[in-house]
Amino acid sequence: MSNHSVCALITDSSTFFHNTPTHPHTGGQILYIVIYLTQESPLCYFVLSPANMCTGACAKVIAVPLYVLALVSIICNIVLFFPDLKTEYAAADRDGHPRITEEVKYMGGVIGGGIMVLIPAIHIHLTSSGKCCANRCGMFLSIGFAAVGVAGAVYSLSAAALGLSNGPLCYWSNSQNPFPRWGIPFANSSGSYLTEKHMWNWCIIPEGVVEFNVGLFSTLLVAASIELILCSIQMINGLFGCICGTCSGKE
């Protein structure tokens, strides 16, 4: 074996582990994935078999990042209500004068990427207590909670993508529309304004609103994408935990 990192995928346990039994219920061969840093000293290894897999430990690894991503999503969505970091636009919008980008009001970061991901993250974390799920029922419930997280992540991702595509609401003008007015200048651009930075100067007020929206909506988009991946993985992990049971306690 070379000194480079190698991932060995072995379907016949007898070729790598001596005297390793087959699965007690099915009698079939057990799948092993072994990751080595060097030939002499393994960095780590994961034994992915129904008998030895610790789905609880995996759930904990998933839950902790979900906390961070949910918090990031909530903060980004709230900050989007205050373009140029001023409260006057939110106050004017509340009084019936549109000043806040419509997609911000969808609350994708607060409801979808925030609350709908945070609650599943709490359950998934509790399920992983002691690096081992409490029972099969707990892992089964985590599938449902993770599905809620997937739905929330999809909602947040959709709202963020729509916000990026349409662009911000601002007081704007250009050569074709010389008289400034409040509106959405990039609504029909299909997102092309993102690469045409000279168009960003069309927005006069709030100052720097295009950069503001692009930065925060992009962060929401990335956070939601990662949440979607993690919650999807947990649905698979929960299914393994439900069918195969908790970890055996062996490292």
Protein backbone atom coordinates (compact mmCIF):
# COMPACT_ATOMS: atom_id res chain seq x y z
CA MET A 1 0.00 0.00 0.00
CA SER A 2 1.35 3.48 -0.88
CA ASN A 3 1.94 6.25 1.64
CA HIS A 4 -0.85 8.28 0.13
CA SER A 5 -4.35 8.33 1.59
CA VAL A 6 -6.20 5.30 0.35
CA CYS A 7 -9.82 4.31 0.73
CA ALA A 8 -10.27 0.58 0.51
CA LEU A 9 -13.75 -0.72 -0.20
CA ILE A 10 -14.00 -4.38 0.72
CA THR A 11 -17.09 -6.51 0.38
CA ASP A 12 -15.53 -9.75 1.57
CA SER A 13 -14.61 -9.32 5.22
CA SER A 14 -12.36 -12.35 5.22
CA THR A 15 -9.95 -10.68 2.83
CA PHE A 16 -9.12 -7.95 5.34
CA PHE A 17 -10.25 -8.95 8.82
CA HIS A 18 -9.41 -12.41 10.15
CA ASN A 19 -12.13 -14.44 11.81
CA THR A 20 -14.75 -11.73 11.30
CA PRO A 21 -18.30 -13.16 11.35
CA THR A 22 -20.87 -12.42 8.71
CA HIS A 23 -24.02 -10.59 9.62
CA PRO A 24 -25.82 -12.69 12.30
CA HIS A 25 -29.27 -12.25 10.78
CA THR A 26 -28.68 -12.36 7.04
CA GLY A 27 -25.49 -14.43 6.94
CA GLY A 28 -24.37 -12.15 4.11
CA GLN A 29 -21.08 -10.45 3.61
CA ILE A 30 -20.36 -7.26 5.52
CA LEU A 31 -19.28 -4.03 3.83
CA TYR A 32 -16.19 -2.32 5.24
CA ILE A 33 -14.72 1.04 4.39
CA VAL A 34 -11.18 1.56 5.67
CA ILE A 35 -9.30 4.83 5.39
CA TYR A 36 -5.53 4.75 5.84
CA LEU A 37 -3.05 7.62 6.04
CA THR A 38 -0.01 5.38 5.71
CA GLN A 39 0.60 1.67 5.56
CA GLU A 40 2.05 1.56 9.06
CA SER A 41 -0.33 3.82 10.97
CA PRO A 42 -4.00 4.20 10.11
CA LEU A 43 -5.47 7.67 10.50
CA CYS A 44 -8.90 6.34 11.24
CA TYR A 45 -11.31 3.75 10.01
CA PHE A 46 -15.04 3.40 9.80
CA VAL A 47 -16.66 0.02 9.85
CA LEU A 48 -19.95 0.43 8.07
CA SER A 49 -21.74 -2.77 8.88
CA PRO A 50 -25.17 -3.43 10.35
CA ALA A 51 -23.56 -5.05 13.38
CA ASN A 52 -20.97 -2.40 14.26
CA MET A 53 -22.10 0.90 12.80
CA CYS A 54 -22.65 3.62 15.43
CA THR A 55 -25.42 5.74 13.95
CA GLY A 56 -25.61 7.84 17.11
CA ALA A 57 -22.09 9.18 16.66
CA CYS A 58 -22.91 10.12 13.08
CA ALA A 59 -26.06 11.93 14.26
CA LYS A 60 -24.00 14.07 16.62
CA VAL A 61 -21.61 15.03 13.83
CA ILE A 62 -24.64 16.14 11.80
CA ALA A 63 -26.46 17.98 14.59
CA VAL A 64 -23.67 20.33 15.68
CA PRO A 65 -23.15 21.98 12.24
CA LEU A 66 -26.93 22.31 11.90
CA TYR A 67 -26.99 24.50 15.02
CA VAL A 68 -24.43 26.85 13.49
CA LEU A 69 -26.10 26.93 10.07
CA ALA A 70 -29.53 27.59 11.56
CA LEU A 71 -28.13 30.48 13.60
CA VAL A 72 -26.36 31.92 10.54
CA SER A 73 -29.59 31.69 8.52
CA ILE A 74 -31.62 33.49 11.18
CA ILE A 75 -29.06 36.28 11.57
CA CYS A 76 -28.74 36.82 7.80
CA ASN A 77 -32.50 37.02 7.34
CA ILE A 78 -32.91 39.51 10.19
CA VAL A 79 -30.05 41.71 8.96
CA LEU A 80 -31.65 41.81 5.49
CA PHE A 81 -34.49 43.84 7.01
CA PHE A 82 -32.04 46.68 7.65
CA PRO A 83 -30.36 47.69 4.37
CA ASP A 84 -27.49 50.14 4.88
CA LEU A 85 -27.82 49.01 8.52
CA LYS A 86 -30.60 51.56 9.09
CA THR A 87 -34.05 51.02 10.58
CA GLU A 88 -35.82 53.75 8.59
CA TYR A 89 -36.51 51.47 5.62
CA ALA A 90 -38.13 48.79 7.76
CA ALA A 91 -40.23 51.46 9.49
CA ALA A 92 -41.37 52.93 6.16
CA ASP A 93 -42.21 49.48 4.84
CA ARG A 94 -44.26 48.77 7.96
CA ASP A 95 -46.22 52.00 7.27
CA GLY A 96 -47.20 50.78 3.81
CA HIS A 97 -44.38 52.22 1.72
CA PRO A 98 -42.47 49.28 0.16
CA ARG A 99 -38.80 49.63 1.02
CA ILE A 100 -37.74 46.07 1.85
CA THR A 101 -37.01 43.42 -0.78
CA GLU A 102 -40.03 41.12 -1.04
CA GLU A 103 -38.02 37.88 -0.75
CA VAL A 104 -36.72 39.03 2.65
CA LYS A 105 -40.30 39.03 3.94
CA TYR A 106 -40.65 35.37 2.99
CA MET A 107 -38.57 34.72 6.12
CA GLY A 108 -36.78 31.83 4.46
CA GLY A 109 -33.77 32.16 6.74
CA VAL A 110 -35.78 32.49 9.97
CA ILE A 111 -38.54 29.95 9.32
CA GLY A 112 -36.98 27.57 6.79
CA GLY A 113 -33.24 27.50 7.37
CA GLY A 114 -33.68 28.55 11.00
CA ILE A 115 -36.58 27.15 13.03
CA MET A 116 -37.38 24.22 10.71
CA VAL A 117 -33.74 23.10 10.91
CA LEU A 118 -33.03 24.03 14.53
CA ILE A 119 -35.81 21.84 15.97
CA PRO A 120 -34.66 18.72 14.06
CA ALA A 121 -31.07 19.51 15.06
CA ILE A 122 -32.07 19.42 18.74
CA HIS A 123 -33.80 16.06 18.35
CA ILE A 124 -30.93 14.62 16.32
CA HIS A 125 -28.46 15.80 18.97
CA LEU A 126 -30.51 14.24 21.77
CA THR A 127 -30.72 11.03 19.76
CA SER A 128 -26.92 10.96 19.59
CA SER A 129 -26.53 11.21 23.38
CA GLY A 130 -23.57 9.18 24.57
CA LYS A 131 -22.49 8.53 20.96
CA CYS A 132 -25.25 5.98 20.68
CA CYS A 133 -28.92 6.44 19.91
CA ALA A 134 -31.22 5.65 22.79
CA ASN A 135 -33.34 3.21 20.79
CA ARG A 136 -34.59 2.33 17.34
CA CYS A 137 -37.67 4.48 17.89
CA GLY A 138 -35.49 7.53 18.45
CA MET A 139 -33.67 6.95 15.19
CA PHE A 140 -36.98 6.38 13.41
CA LEU A 141 -38.30 9.72 14.70
CA SER A 142 -35.08 11.41 13.59
CA ILE A 143 -35.98 10.47 10.00
CA GLY A 144 -39.17 12.50 10.26
CA PHE A 145 -37.43 15.41 11.96
CA ALA A 146 -34.69 15.35 9.33
CA ALA A 147 -37.38 15.41 6.62
CA VAL A 148 -38.73 18.59 8.22
CA GLY A 149 -35.20 19.97 8.08
CA VAL A 150 -34.98 19.09 4.40
CA ALA A 151 -38.25 20.95 3.74
CA GLY A 152 -37.00 23.97 5.69
CA ALA A 153 -33.68 23.99 3.86
CA VAL A 154 -35.46 23.77 0.48
CA TYR A 155 -37.70 26.71 1.45
CA SER A 156 -34.74 28.82 2.57
CA LEU A 157 -32.75 27.89 -0.54
CA SER A 158 -35.67 28.78 -2.82
CA ALA A 159 -36.26 32.15 -1.15
CA ALA A 160 -32.55 33.00 -1.31
CA ALA A 161 -32.27 31.94 -4.96
CA LEU A 162 -35.32 34.04 -5.83
CA GLY A 163 -33.89 37.00 -3.94
CA LEU A 164 -30.63 36.74 -5.86
CA SER A 165 -32.42 36.34 -9.19
CA ASN A 166 -34.76 39.33 -8.80
CA GLY A 167 -32.35 41.64 -7.02
CA PRO A 168 -33.13 44.24 -4.34
CA LEU A 169 -35.88 46.81 -4.10
CA CYS A 170 -34.31 50.28 -4.25
CA TYR A 171 -34.65 53.88 -5.36
CA TRP A 172 -33.15 53.67 -8.83
CA SER A 173 -32.66 55.20 -12.23
CA ASN A 174 -30.69 54.53 -15.42
CA SER A 175 -30.37 55.90 -18.94
CA GLN A 176 -33.65 54.28 -20.04
CA ASN A 177 -35.46 55.43 -16.87
CA PRO A 178 -33.95 58.82 -15.98
CA PHE A 179 -36.54 59.69 -13.35
CA PRO A 180 -35.66 57.96 -10.04
CA ARG A 181 -38.32 55.82 -8.44
CA TRP A 182 -38.70 52.94 -6.00
CA GLY A 183 -38.77 49.54 -7.66
CA ILE A 184 -36.90 46.38 -8.58
CA PRO A 185 -34.58 47.32 -11.45
CA PHE A 186 -33.18 43.81 -12.00
CA ALA A 187 -36.47 41.88 -11.90
CA ASN A 188 -36.33 41.00 -15.61
CA SER A 189 -32.59 40.43 -15.82
CA SER A 190 -32.78 36.71 -14.89
CA GLY A 191 -29.86 37.26 -12.54
CA SER A 192 -27.53 38.63 -15.23
CA TYR A 193 -26.95 41.74 -13.11
CA LEU A 194 -24.83 39.58 -10.78
CA THR A 195 -22.02 39.55 -13.33
CA GLU A 196 -22.66 43.06 -14.69
CA LYS A 197 -21.44 45.11 -11.75
CA HIS A 198 -21.81 48.41 -13.58
CA MET A 199 -25.59 47.87 -13.30
CA TRP A 200 -25.31 47.96 -9.52
CA ASN A 201 -24.94 51.74 -9.74
CA TRP A 202 -28.56 51.97 -10.82
CA CYS A 203 -29.58 51.65 -7.17
CA ILE A 204 -29.19 55.02 -5.45
CA ILE A 205 -30.86 54.37 -2.09
CA PRO A 206 -30.21 52.44 0.13
CA GLU A 207 -26.50 52.90 -0.43
CA GLY A 208 -24.72 49.66 -1.36
CA VAL A 209 -27.96 47.69 -1.23
CA VAL A 210 -27.00 45.41 -4.13
CA GLU A 211 -23.77 44.26 -2.47
CA PHE A 212 -25.70 43.99 0.80
CA ASN A 213 -28.38 41.72 -0.66
CA VAL A 214 -26.02 39.64 -2.79
CA GLY A 215 -23.72 38.92 0.16
CA LEU A 216 -26.47 37.92 2.59
CA PHE A 217 -28.64 36.00 0.12
CA SER A 218 -25.56 34.13 -1.09
CA THR A 219 -24.75 33.20 2.51
CA LEU A 220 -28.32 31.98 2.98
CA LEU A 221 -28.06 29.98 -0.24
CA VAL A 222 -24.85 28.24 0.85
CA ALA A 223 -26.15 27.60 4.39
CA ALA A 224 -29.40 26.12 3.08
CA SER A 225 -27.54 23.89 0.63
CA ILE A 226 -25.38 22.45 3.41
CA GLU A 227 -28.43 22.02 5.66
CA LEU A 228 -30.16 20.14 2.86
CA ILE A 229 -27.20 17.78 2.48
CA LEU A 230 -26.82 17.16 6.22
CA CYS A 231 -30.54 16.53 6.82
CA SER A 232 -30.64 14.16 3.84
CA ILE A 233 -27.68 12.25 5.26
CA GLN A 234 -29.44 12.04 8.63
CA MET A 235 -32.52 10.53 6.97
CA ILE A 236 -30.30 7.74 5.64
CA ASN A 237 -28.44 7.47 8.96
CA GLY A 238 -31.73 7.29 10.86
CA LEU A 239 -32.94 4.52 8.57
CA PHE A 240 -29.80 2.49 9.30
CA GLY A 241 -30.22 3.13 13.03
CA CYS A 242 -33.86 2.10 12.92
CA ILE A 243 -33.25 -1.12 11.00
CA CYS A 244 -29.89 -2.17 12.39
CA GLY A 245 -30.20 -0.91 15.94
CA THR A 246 -27.85 1.12 18.08
CA CYS A 247 -24.07 0.85 18.12
CA SER A 248 -22.66 -2.12 19.90
CA GLY A 249 -20.45 -0.10 22.20
CA LYS A 250 -17.25 -1.39 20.57
CA GLU A 251 -14.91 1.22 19.10
